Amino acid sequence: MRALTESEARVIAVLLAARPDSERDRLQQIGVPRSTYHAVRRRAYEEGWLRDRYIPHPAPLGRPWVTFWVARPYADRLERFVEVVSADPGNVFLWSGAQVSLAVFFHANPEEARRAVDRITLERLGPVPISVSVNADGPAVPVYFDFEGLWSHLAGLEGTLAYPHGLGGGSEEEPEEGTTRTTPHQLWAIGELLRRPFATVEQGRGSHLVGPFGLPFSQRKMLARGWVTHRTLLDPSRLPPFQGKAADQVVLLSGTPRPDRRPETLFATLTRESRVYPFLFTVGEERWLLGALGASAPSSEPRTDRRPVLPTLREYLEGIEIIQAPASEFTLPVDHRYDRLLESPRSSSVTKP
């Protein structure tokens, strides 16, 4: 596998930021010629290094509860595990590996999340998964599949442009009592955005053309309101190394928060002092979950000025569980398929409780 060039590393960084900047602004930010930018962007999508998705705020779809699983299905039951999880109408993401799987569900209430866990236990598909359920109407998912911080550090760039992107958060507008939160026209606009990455490919257009430029007003309004977010995601199993450095290991870590410890302080310490940039950070009441990418080969850069990671985590968490697996082992049976949420009748009649 060939190594990435410096120009490729810079273009990937600005694309991962997924900011609605003009092309001129992007070229100024990374300092590469326009022709190079377009060639690298096209190559990044054709090679599968990057892919675009539109990620919805869960609450307007009537599924404000988001559940994250770290599961270790039995080897002889892995195929059935994938079948059961992907068949759940709330499952939007499934990263399946030989040693561990990461799944994300959008549910209407915590009971739905518990029933999904019970299904794994009843069918004896594996040990009970590590499960973290949060209400996405609050700041419970401050980082959601955001790889910009990691990549900017790996490529030796100064700072980031948009990291971290989270999921959900406080709603911009509260509907009047008894009124529908999401109108049929708004649902249509959201659905068009969620289906856009897949419809574009089915129409034979390049996957690098999925971005928000040229969208109709109704769809742009959903983006401006924050009900949908355009994102560019990284596939670590396909991305070539850069200057001998590769993020080819997936690390999933969870633990119980210690009393009076704040997640924002842990995040600031990890990114500023330990130079660790989680692509996933979920803050549940009883458990926090972090996802990060690491390197299988030891780094040649000096570590004397970096705060040790594990002692830092121990200051904030107890009962820590760490699972690491090669990125090349993972497949994506369900790859950020938020469009399937609109197949349920629930999404067409959402009312304020």
Protein backbone atom coordinates (compact mmCIF):
# COMPACT_ATOMS: atom_id res chain seq x y z
CA MET A 1 0.00 0.00 0.00
CA ARG A 2 1.45 3.36 -1.00
CA ALA A 3 1.74 6.21 1.47
CA LEU A 4 -0.32 9.38 1.33
CA THR A 5 1.27 12.57 0.10
CA GLU A 6 1.25 15.78 2.13
CA SER A 7 -1.31 17.30 -0.24
CA GLU A 8 -3.59 14.29 0.22
CA ALA A 9 -3.26 14.55 4.00
CA ARG A 10 -4.22 18.23 3.92
CA VAL A 11 -7.22 17.71 1.65
CA ILE A 12 -8.48 14.83 3.81
CA ALA A 13 -8.23 17.07 6.88
CA VAL A 14 -10.33 19.88 5.41
CA LEU A 15 -12.93 17.41 4.13
CA LEU A 16 -13.25 15.71 7.53
CA ALA A 17 -14.03 19.11 9.06
CA ALA A 18 -17.21 19.14 6.93
CA ARG A 19 -17.67 22.89 7.26
CA PRO A 20 -19.93 24.71 4.79
CA ASP A 21 -16.99 26.75 3.51
CA SER A 22 -16.58 27.86 -0.07
CA GLU A 23 -14.00 26.17 -2.25
CA ARG A 24 -11.87 29.31 -2.11
CA ASP A 25 -11.86 29.20 1.69
CA ARG A 26 -10.88 25.53 1.70
CA LEU A 27 -8.01 26.14 -0.71
CA GLN A 28 -6.73 28.94 1.51
CA GLN A 29 -6.98 26.75 4.59
CA ILE A 30 -4.86 23.91 3.18
CA GLY A 31 -2.63 25.73 0.69
CA VAL A 32 -2.90 23.39 -2.30
CA PRO A 33 -3.75 24.19 -5.95
CA ARG A 34 -7.37 23.88 -7.06
CA SER A 35 -6.59 21.07 -9.49
CA THR A 36 -4.82 19.09 -6.76
CA TYR A 37 -7.76 19.60 -4.38
CA HIS A 38 -10.28 18.24 -6.89
CA ALA A 39 -8.09 15.29 -7.89
CA VAL A 40 -7.46 14.27 -4.28
CA ARG A 41 -11.09 14.73 -3.28
CA ARG A 42 -12.27 12.47 -6.08
CA ARG A 43 -9.60 9.87 -5.28
CA ALA A 44 -10.43 9.88 -1.57
CA TYR A 45 -14.03 8.91 -2.26
CA GLU A 46 -13.31 6.49 -5.10
CA GLU A 47 -10.78 4.62 -2.95
CA GLY A 48 -13.21 4.51 -0.03
CA TRP A 49 -11.03 6.54 2.32
CA LEU A 50 -13.92 8.93 2.92
CA ARG A 51 -17.70 8.85 2.62
CA ASP A 52 -20.41 11.42 3.27
CA ARG A 53 -23.50 11.02 5.39
CA TYR A 54 -26.31 13.25 6.63
CA ILE A 55 -26.84 12.59 10.33
CA PRO A 56 -30.17 13.59 11.90
CA HIS A 57 -30.93 14.98 15.32
CA PRO A 58 -32.75 11.98 16.88
CA ALA A 59 -35.45 13.97 18.72
CA PRO A 60 -37.37 15.43 15.72
CA LEU A 61 -37.68 11.87 14.38
CA GLY A 62 -39.36 10.71 17.59
CA ARG A 63 -36.34 8.63 18.64
CA PRO A 64 -34.56 10.77 21.24
CA TRP A 65 -32.90 7.83 22.99
CA VAL A 66 -29.60 6.72 21.49
CA THR A 67 -28.02 3.45 22.61
CA PHE A 68 -24.43 2.41 22.04
CA TRP A 69 -23.35 -1.21 22.29
CA VAL A 70 -19.92 -2.71 22.61
CA ALA A 71 -20.62 -6.39 22.07
CA ARG A 72 -18.48 -9.50 21.92
CA PRO A 73 -20.67 -12.09 20.18
CA TYR A 74 -19.66 -15.72 20.28
CA ALA A 75 -17.58 -16.70 17.24
CA ASP A 76 -20.05 -19.39 16.20
CA ARG A 77 -23.00 -16.97 16.59
CA LEU A 78 -21.51 -13.92 14.86
CA GLU A 79 -23.58 -14.29 11.70
CA ARG A 80 -26.80 -14.55 13.70
CA PHE A 81 -25.75 -11.62 15.88
CA VAL A 82 -25.33 -9.42 12.79
CA GLU A 83 -28.70 -10.59 11.48
CA VAL A 84 -30.53 -9.81 14.73
CA VAL A 85 -28.92 -6.42 15.32
CA SER A 86 -29.28 -5.17 11.75
CA ALA A 87 -32.94 -6.23 11.71
CA ASP A 88 -33.77 -3.91 14.60
CA PRO A 89 -35.61 -0.94 13.02
CA GLY A 90 -33.68 1.44 15.27
CA ASN A 91 -30.23 0.19 14.31
CA VAL A 92 -28.40 2.83 12.28
CA PHE A 93 -24.79 1.66 12.59
CA LEU A 94 -23.12 -1.71 13.01
CA TRP A 95 -19.36 -2.14 12.93
CA SER A 96 -18.86 -5.89 13.12
CA GLY A 97 -15.51 -7.47 13.91
CA ALA A 98 -14.18 -10.90 14.77
CA GLN A 99 -13.45 -9.83 18.35
CA VAL A 100 -15.85 -6.97 19.05
CA SER A 101 -18.77 -5.13 17.47
CA LEU A 102 -19.97 -1.55 17.89
CA ALA A 103 -23.64 -0.79 17.28
CA VAL A 104 -25.77 2.35 17.52
CA PHE A 105 -29.56 2.46 17.87
CA PHE A 106 -32.09 5.30 17.85
CA HIS A 107 -35.08 4.41 20.03
CA ALA A 108 -38.26 6.12 21.20
CA ASN A 109 -37.70 5.25 24.86
CA PRO A 110 -35.31 3.36 27.15
CA GLU A 111 -37.59 0.31 27.19
CA GLU A 112 -36.92 -0.31 23.49
CA ALA A 113 -33.19 -0.24 24.19
CA ARG A 114 -33.56 -2.75 27.02
CA ARG A 115 -35.59 -5.10 24.85
CA ALA A 116 -32.84 -5.07 22.24
CA VAL A 117 -30.29 -6.14 24.87
CA ASP A 118 -32.66 -8.87 26.11
CA ARG A 119 -32.81 -10.32 22.60
CA ILE A 120 -29.05 -10.94 22.63
CA THR A 121 -29.31 -12.68 26.00
CA LEU A 122 -32.34 -14.79 25.09
CA GLU A 123 -30.78 -16.09 21.90
CA ARG A 124 -27.44 -16.66 23.64
CA LEU A 125 -25.56 -14.73 20.99
CA GLY A 126 -22.86 -13.63 23.40
CA PRO A 127 -22.26 -11.99 26.78
CA VAL A 128 -24.47 -9.05 27.69
CA PRO A 129 -23.13 -6.08 25.70
CA ILE A 130 -21.71 -2.99 27.33
CA SER A 131 -24.67 -0.67 26.79
CA VAL A 132 -24.89 3.10 27.20
CA SER A 133 -28.27 4.77 26.58
CA VAL A 134 -28.59 8.55 26.56
CA ASN A 135 -31.18 11.18 25.74
CA ALA A 136 -29.88 12.99 22.67
CA ASP A 137 -31.82 16.16 23.51
CA GLY A 138 -28.99 16.96 25.92
CA PRO A 139 -25.20 17.18 25.62
CA ALA A 140 -24.70 13.45 26.15
CA VAL A 141 -22.82 12.69 22.90
CA PRO A 142 -20.19 15.42 22.53
CA VAL A 143 -18.24 13.47 19.89
CA TYR A 144 -19.98 11.33 17.29
CA PHE A 145 -17.83 9.64 14.63
CA ASP A 146 -15.66 12.71 14.19
CA PHE A 147 -12.20 11.80 12.91
CA GLU A 148 -10.88 15.29 12.20
CA GLY A 149 -8.99 15.68 15.49
CA LEU A 150 -7.23 12.37 15.10
CA TRP A 151 -6.33 12.98 11.46
CA SER A 152 -5.07 16.52 12.00
CA HIS A 153 -2.77 15.22 14.73
CA LEU A 154 -1.61 12.29 12.62
CA ALA A 155 -0.88 14.56 9.67
CA GLY A 156 1.01 17.05 11.85
CA LEU A 157 -1.41 19.93 11.19
CA GLU A 158 -1.90 22.76 13.64
CA GLY A 159 -5.30 22.67 15.31
CA THR A 160 -8.64 21.65 13.85
CA LEU A 161 -11.40 23.45 11.98
CA ALA A 162 -14.58 21.93 13.45
CA TYR A 163 -13.71 19.09 15.84
CA PRO A 164 -15.60 17.90 17.79
CA HIS A 165 -18.93 17.23 16.08
CA GLY A 166 -21.47 15.72 18.46
CA LEU A 167 -24.93 14.23 18.13
CA GLY A 168 -28.20 15.87 19.12
CA GLY A 169 -28.12 18.55 21.76
CA GLY A 170 -30.67 21.12 22.82
CA SER A 171 -33.42 21.79 20.30
CA GLU A 172 -33.39 25.21 18.65
CA GLU A 173 -37.14 25.54 18.68
CA GLU A 174 -39.70 24.08 21.06
CA PRO A 175 -43.14 23.37 19.54
CA GLU A 176 -46.32 24.59 21.14
CA GLU A 177 -48.10 22.23 23.50
CA GLY A 178 -49.99 19.51 21.61
CA THR A 179 -48.61 20.40 18.19
CA THR A 180 -46.55 18.15 15.97
CA ARG A 181 -42.86 18.60 16.34
CA THR A 182 -42.06 17.64 12.77
CA THR A 183 -44.39 18.46 9.88
CA PRO A 184 -44.80 16.14 6.89
CA HIS A 185 -42.90 18.59 4.70
CA GLN A 186 -40.04 18.74 7.20
CA LEU A 187 -39.95 14.96 7.35
CA TRP A 188 -39.80 14.87 3.56
CA ALA A 189 -36.86 17.30 3.55
CA ILE A 190 -35.06 15.31 6.26
CA GLY A 191 -35.68 12.07 4.36
CA GLU A 192 -34.28 13.52 1.14
CA LEU A 193 -31.09 14.46 2.97
CA LEU A 194 -30.73 11.10 4.73
CA ARG A 195 -31.20 9.23 1.43
CA ARG A 196 -28.97 11.59 -0.57
CA PRO A 197 -25.67 9.65 -0.22
CA PHE A 198 -27.25 6.44 -1.45
CA ALA A 199 -29.46 7.97 -4.14
CA THR A 200 -26.46 9.83 -5.58
CA VAL A 201 -24.53 6.59 -6.05
CA GLU A 202 -27.58 4.77 -7.46
CA GLN A 203 -27.91 7.55 -10.04
CA GLY A 204 -24.33 6.94 -11.17
CA ARG A 205 -22.95 10.21 -9.81
CA GLY A 206 -19.67 10.37 -7.93
CA SER A 207 -19.86 9.91 -4.18
CA HIS A 208 -17.72 13.05 -3.80
CA LEU A 209 -20.75 15.07 -4.98
CA VAL A 210 -22.95 14.26 -1.98
CA GLY A 211 -22.16 17.49 -0.11
CA PRO A 212 -24.64 20.27 0.67
CA PHE A 213 -23.82 22.66 -2.17
CA GLY A 214 -26.85 23.37 -4.35
CA LEU A 215 -29.47 21.86 -2.04
CA PRO A 216 -33.10 23.05 -2.19
CA PHE A 217 -34.14 25.66 0.37
CA SER A 218 -36.24 23.23 2.45
CA GLN A 219 -33.26 20.91 2.89
CA ARG A 220 -30.85 23.75 3.63
CA LYS A 221 -33.29 24.88 6.33
CA MET A 222 -33.03 21.49 8.06
CA LEU A 223 -29.25 21.89 8.09
CA ALA A 224 -29.46 25.47 9.40
CA ARG A 225 -31.84 24.42 12.16
CA GLY A 226 -29.51 21.63 13.23
CA TRP A 227 -32.03 18.84 12.63
CA VAL A 228 -29.62 17.30 10.13
CA THR A 229 -25.83 17.65 9.89
CA HIS A 230 -23.64 16.97 6.88
CA ARG A 231 -20.60 14.93 7.84
CA THR A 232 -17.58 13.36 6.15
CA LEU A 233 -16.49 10.08 7.73
CA LEU A 234 -13.22 8.18 7.62
CA ASP A 235 -12.71 4.48 6.93
CA PRO A 236 -9.51 3.59 8.83
CA SER A 237 -9.33 0.13 7.24
CA ARG A 238 -8.81 1.63 3.78
CA LEU A 239 -6.77 4.74 4.44
CA PRO A 240 -3.05 4.44 3.52
CA PRO A 241 -0.41 5.51 6.05
CA PHE A 242 1.08 8.99 6.10
CA GLN A 243 4.80 9.39 6.77
CA GLY A 244 4.90 5.94 8.31
CA LYS A 245 1.94 6.63 10.64
CA ALA A 246 -1.35 4.77 10.40
CA ALA A 247 -4.47 4.73 12.58
CA ASP A 248 -5.14 1.05 12.01
CA GLN A 249 -6.36 -0.04 15.45
CA VAL A 250 -9.85 0.52 16.88
CA VAL A 251 -9.90 1.10 20.64
CA LEU A 252 -13.18 1.04 22.58
CA LEU A 253 -13.07 2.02 26.23
CA SER A 254 -15.75 2.32 28.89
CA GLY A 255 -15.95 2.89 32.60
CA THR A 256 -18.03 4.21 35.49
CA PRO A 257 -17.45 7.90 36.22
CA ARG A 258 -15.93 8.76 39.58
CA PRO A 259 -17.87 11.18 41.80
CA ASP A 260 -17.65 14.86 40.81
CA ARG A 261 -15.67 14.13 37.64
CA ARG A 262 -16.77 16.07 34.56
CA PRO A 263 -16.65 14.63 31.03
CA GLU A 264 -15.69 17.95 29.46
CA THR A 265 -12.63 18.10 31.71
CA LEU A 266 -11.59 14.58 30.70
CA PHE A 267 -12.03 15.46 27.04
CA ALA A 268 -9.96 18.63 27.38
CA THR A 269 -7.20 16.75 29.19
CA LEU A 270 -7.07 13.97 26.63
CA THR A 271 -6.93 16.27 23.63
CA ARG A 272 -4.67 19.01 25.02
CA GLU A 273 -2.28 17.08 27.23
CA SER A 274 -2.40 13.45 26.10
CA ARG A 275 -2.96 14.27 22.43
CA VAL A 276 -5.68 11.64 22.14
CA TYR A 277 -8.64 12.62 19.97
CA PRO A 278 -11.67 10.33 20.47
CA PHE A 279 -13.91 9.82 17.45
CA LEU A 280 -16.70 8.83 19.84
CA PHE A 281 -17.52 10.06 23.34
CA THR A 282 -20.81 9.15 25.02
CA VAL A 283 -21.72 10.30 28.52
CA GLY A 284 -24.27 8.10 30.24
CA GLU A 285 -25.40 8.50 33.84
CA GLU A 286 -23.71 5.27 34.94
CA ARG A 287 -21.13 4.68 32.21
CA TRP A 288 -19.06 6.63 29.72
CA LEU A 289 -17.95 5.22 26.39
CA LEU A 290 -15.03 6.39 24.26
CA GLY A 291 -13.87 5.26 20.84
CA ALA A 292 -10.42 6.09 19.48
CA LEU A 293 -8.00 4.98 16.79
CA GLY A 294 -4.47 3.88 17.54
CA ALA A 295 -1.46 2.58 15.69
CA SER A 296 -0.22 -1.00 15.63
CA ALA A 297 3.36 0.22 15.10
CA PRO A 298 4.98 2.27 17.89
CA SER A 299 5.28 5.99 17.20
CA SER A 300 8.71 7.49 16.63
CA GLU A 301 7.73 10.91 18.02
CA PRO A 302 8.92 11.79 21.53
CA ARG A 303 6.39 11.23 24.30
CA THR A 304 8.05 13.16 27.12
CA ASP A 305 5.63 16.06 26.74
CA ARG A 306 2.52 13.91 26.54
CA ARG A 307 0.43 13.14 29.58
CA PRO A 308 0.04 9.34 29.99
CA VAL A 309 -3.38 8.20 28.84
CA LEU A 310 -4.28 5.34 31.19
CA PRO A 311 -3.42 7.17 34.43
CA THR A 312 -5.51 10.08 33.16
CA LEU A 313 -8.47 7.81 32.50
CA ARG A 314 -8.12 6.29 35.97
CA GLU A 315 -8.55 9.74 37.49
CA TYR A 316 -12.02 9.98 35.92
CA LEU A 317 -13.25 6.40 35.55
CA GLU A 318 -13.28 3.15 37.46
CA GLY A 319 -14.08 -0.37 36.32
CA ILE A 320 -12.38 0.48 33.03
CA GLU A 321 -12.77 -1.98 30.17
CA ILE A 322 -10.59 -1.62 27.07
CA ILE A 323 -11.02 -3.60 23.86
CA GLN A 324 -8.69 -3.16 20.90
CA ALA A 325 -8.91 -4.75 17.46
CA PRO A 326 -7.40 -4.14 14.01
CA ALA A 327 -9.52 -1.87 11.84
CA SER A 328 -9.05 -4.31 8.96
CA GLU A 329 -11.14 -6.90 10.84
CA PHE A 330 -14.30 -4.79 10.80
CA THR A 331 -17.10 -4.82 8.27
CA LEU A 332 -20.03 -2.40 8.04
CA PRO A 333 -23.31 -4.31 7.70
CA VAL A 334 -25.17 -1.09 8.60
CA ASP A 335 -23.23 2.01 7.58
CA HIS A 336 -24.91 5.08 9.09
CA ARG A 337 -28.29 4.22 7.52
CA TYR A 338 -30.43 6.89 9.16
CA ASP A 339 -32.81 6.77 6.22
CA ARG A 340 -34.23 3.50 7.55
CA LEU A 341 -35.63 5.39 10.57
CA LEU A 342 -38.21 6.99 8.28
CA GLU A 343 -39.56 3.61 7.27
CA SER A 344 -41.31 3.38 10.65
CA PRO A 345 -44.83 4.85 11.04
CA ARG A 346 -43.62 6.50 14.28
CA SER A 347 -41.69 9.18 12.41
CA SER A 348 -44.77 10.52 10.60
CA SER A 349 -46.69 11.51 13.75
CA VAL A 350 -44.35 12.85 16.38
CA THR A 351 -46.01 14.82 19.18
CA LYS A 352 -44.63 16.53 22.18
CA PRO A 353 -45.16 14.41 25.30
